[in-house]
Amino acid sequence: MEILDSKKFKTSLWSGGKTVEMFIFPSDASYQKGDFLFRLSSATIEDENTVFTVLPNVKRFLTPIDNTLVLTHTKDGQSRKLTLDPLKVDVFDGGEETLCIGKGQDVNLMIKNGSQGKMITFSGGKVIFSGDFLFIYALEDITAGKSEETLIKKGEVAISNEKGKYSISGDSVLICVELPK
């Protein structure tokens, strides 16, 4: 298990605040070009009313980590509205127009081109990982690992490609990704 180096994260502006790209695959892919299989990021939502970037052919997973957000997804004239409390996960079509009411910080996973993903909030315990990438976003200082435990400080992200059973000591967001076969 390795802690991702936050000095290598790319920060950019979007219409509602700032986004921090923590990981993109493949490593030479570009969010702007859209040639990624998956992208893990965190964003701040600084405006009370924000329209998310429309991303056709992208499946999105989003969880607020500090405040409640009200999301309205619209596609082909059909809308669905939901209240997303902190640490609840919404999975939606990036091609939908999404209006967000509320401010805060979130964690995002974007997948495409046959990749599969999962995002869950976790309060500690054991988890079995069988995918290609496991990310642990620490919501507090925690330890995680298989045979050896790694300290993950609040706000840090750890990555592993090793399948098996992991112990996690506290609150986190787990992101699992499987690449297309």
Foldseek 3Di string as FASTA:
>chain_A
DAWQDQVPWDWDADPFFIKTWRDWPPPPDDVVVVPTQKTKIKTWGHDQKDKDQQDAQKKKKKFFAPAKKWKWWDDPRDIDIDIGGHQRIDIDGSNTTMMIGDTGMMIMMIGGDQKDKDKHKDFWDKDFADAQKKKKAACAFKWKDDPDTDTAHHRIMDMDRDGGMMTIHGITMIMGMHDHD
